[in-house]
Amino acid sequence: MIDINLIRTNPDLVKENIKKKFQDKKLPLVDEVAQLDAKRRALIAEGDALRAARNSLSKQVGMLMKQGNKRRPKRSRRRSSRTRSVSRPSKRNPRKSKGN
């Protein structure tokens, strides 16, 4: 198995080694893996940014509730629900009651 760090840092070396083994059909896979890895890393970064935004909003809501303002602004609710759906796309929302 080829280390992903080697593909990231030196894809030409990986391609050269593939050519030495006469497996030219696998050459396009190196570029495809590099593209998919870049896309994966970008999505992870986006998810982390959304999670940080959700945590910040949750902290603000907690502070407002502590001050006596029990009602959250609609804007915060929308952002919070969006970040929740991004961080857990395949699971049902555990905060909903069974009656819904």
Protein backbone atom coordinates (compact mmCIF):
# COMPACT_ATOMS: atom_id res chain seq x y z
CA MET A 1 0.00 0.00 0.00
CA ILE A 2 1.26 3.47 -0.86
CA ASP A 3 1.35 6.10 1.86
CA ILE A 4 -0.97 9.03 1.12
CA ASN A 5 1.73 11.45 2.28
CA LEU A 6 4.02 10.17 -0.46
CA ILE A 7 1.32 10.76 -3.06
CA ARG A 8 0.74 14.27 -1.68
CA THR A 9 4.38 15.28 -1.54
CA ASN A 10 5.89 13.46 -4.49
CA PRO A 11 3.38 12.09 -7.02
CA ASP A 12 6.02 12.01 -9.77
CA LEU A 13 8.08 9.50 -7.81
CA VAL A 14 5.01 7.31 -7.34
CA LYS A 15 4.27 7.47 -11.07
CA GLU A 16 7.87 6.63 -11.90
CA ASN A 17 7.76 3.55 -9.67
CA ILE A 18 4.51 2.45 -11.29
CA LYS A 19 6.13 2.77 -14.72
CA LYS A 20 9.10 0.69 -13.56
CA LYS A 21 6.69 -2.10 -12.67
CA PHE A 22 5.07 -1.86 -16.14
CA GLN A 23 1.66 -1.05 -14.68
CA ASP A 24 0.92 1.97 -16.86
CA LYS A 25 -2.84 1.44 -16.50
CA LYS A 26 -2.55 2.58 -12.88
CA LEU A 27 -0.89 5.93 -13.67
CA PRO A 28 -4.17 7.93 -13.82
CA LEU A 29 -5.06 6.58 -10.37
CA VAL A 30 -2.27 8.62 -8.78
CA ASP A 31 -3.83 11.88 -9.99
CA GLU A 32 -7.30 10.69 -9.04
CA VAL A 33 -6.18 9.79 -5.52
CA ALA A 34 -4.49 13.18 -5.14
CA GLN A 35 -7.67 14.99 -6.26
CA LEU A 36 -9.91 12.94 -4.00
CA ASP A 37 -7.56 13.49 -1.07
CA ALA A 38 -7.61 17.25 -1.64
CA LYS A 39 -11.41 17.20 -1.81
CA ARG A 40 -11.62 15.12 1.37
CA ARG A 41 -9.32 17.49 3.23
CA ALA A 42 -11.35 20.50 2.09
CA LEU A 43 -14.58 18.87 3.28
CA ILE A 44 -13.02 18.05 6.64
CA ALA A 45 -11.89 21.67 6.99
CA GLU A 46 -15.40 22.89 6.11
CA GLY A 47 -16.94 20.52 8.65
CA ASP A 48 -14.52 21.70 11.32
CA ALA A 49 -15.35 25.33 10.56
CA LEU A 50 -19.09 24.63 10.77
CA ARG A 51 -18.61 22.71 14.02
CA ALA A 52 -16.65 25.64 15.48
CA ALA A 53 -19.44 28.03 14.44
CA ARG A 54 -22.03 25.76 16.07
CA ASN A 55 -20.00 25.62 19.28
CA SER A 56 -19.68 29.40 19.30
CA LEU A 57 -23.42 29.84 18.81
CA SER A 58 -24.16 27.29 21.51
CA LYS A 59 -21.94 29.18 23.90
CA GLN A 60 -23.77 32.43 23.06
CA VAL A 61 -27.16 30.78 23.61
CA GLY A 62 -25.98 29.43 26.96
CA MET A 63 -24.87 32.90 28.01
CA LEU A 64 -28.21 34.41 26.94
CA MET A 65 -30.15 31.77 28.84
CA LYS A 66 -28.00 32.38 31.90
CA GLN A 67 -28.89 36.09 31.69
CA GLY A 68 -32.59 35.24 31.58
CA ASN A 69 -33.29 35.54 27.86
CA LYS A 70 -34.80 32.10 27.18
CA ARG A 71 -35.68 32.69 23.55
CA ARG A 72 -32.97 32.08 20.97
CA PRO A 73 -32.82 34.28 17.90
CA LYS A 74 -34.10 32.61 14.72
CA ARG A 75 -30.78 33.23 13.01
CA SER A 76 -28.94 31.19 15.63
CA ARG A 77 -31.41 28.34 15.35
CA ARG A 78 -30.99 28.15 11.59
CA ARG A 79 -27.20 28.09 11.77
CA SER A 80 -27.21 25.60 14.59
CA SER A 81 -29.50 23.18 12.75
CA ARG A 82 -27.41 23.49 9.57
CA THR A 83 -24.19 22.64 11.37
CA ARG A 84 -25.90 19.76 13.14
CA SER A 85 -27.06 18.30 9.81
CA VAL A 86 -23.58 18.65 8.31
CA SER A 87 -21.82 16.99 11.23
CA ARG A 88 -24.26 14.06 11.46
CA PRO A 89 -25.91 13.53 8.06
CA SER A 90 -26.90 9.88 8.49
CA LYS A 91 -28.34 9.97 12.02
CA ARG A 92 -31.73 11.17 13.18
CA ASN A 93 -31.80 14.19 15.40
CA PRO A 94 -31.73 12.73 18.94
CA ARG A 95 -33.13 15.96 20.45
CA LYS A 96 -36.54 15.53 18.86
CA SER A 97 -39.19 13.99 21.06
CA LYS A 98 -40.85 10.71 20.16
CA GLY A 99 -44.18 12.42 19.66
CA ASN A 100 -42.97 14.34 16.55
